[in-house]
């Protein structure tokens, strides 16, 4: 997940009070361990440190990681990991996620979390609105591949829209706080989640392969319901 802040232009939230307000929309509690992915200089990390038991902050950009470590030196419950989040092992203990992630890595980050050996108890991500909408699997709208691919593990909903002025620098796109929470009982066994995800994404990407499945004739992959996808995988 290596990135150059100057070229990838991650957008940072303005003010700790606003960040605390967003965290208030989550189910993060005082005894939780929380991951902050792409932590930057630690604005979200600092708020989380005051709200929960332990924070693990990931930042791969060297200068940002150095500043993050300096800013967190007085927070004894914060662990700074100066590594690529996509390459690290996730905690074996129960954990949650609250992050303002680099937008261009949204799919990879969600996929890693959803298929982890120990998946998070809940995920809160600030993402592009367009990406968030593709994660929603209810209703009659067209569904995105990734949203349907992780849906047996958990459900998605938009907790709150954000304004462009909530960031510095302001993004060119609309953003939201997205919540992903696991089901009490997954619709597909966790050990089969990777196989299921690969099947769904291949159906979206390869019309010929999809045409050979038992999907209803005349329906595109984006039109199938979650129940239909689960039935297809058997």
Foldseek 3Di string as FASTA:
>chain_A
DDDDCVVLVQWAFPDLVVLLVVCVLDPAAAAAEEEEEQQFLNSNVVSVLVGYQAYEYEHQHVVRLVNNCVVCVVSPRYHYDNHHPLPDADDPDAHEYAYAYRQVCVLSVVVCQLLHPRHHQKYKYKYFPVVLVLLAQDDQDFHHLSNLLSVLFWHKDFSFWDDLVRIVVRDPGTITIMMTHGDPHGLDPSVCSVVLSVVSVCLLVDVVVVVPFPPDPPDHSRRDHSVRSSVRVD
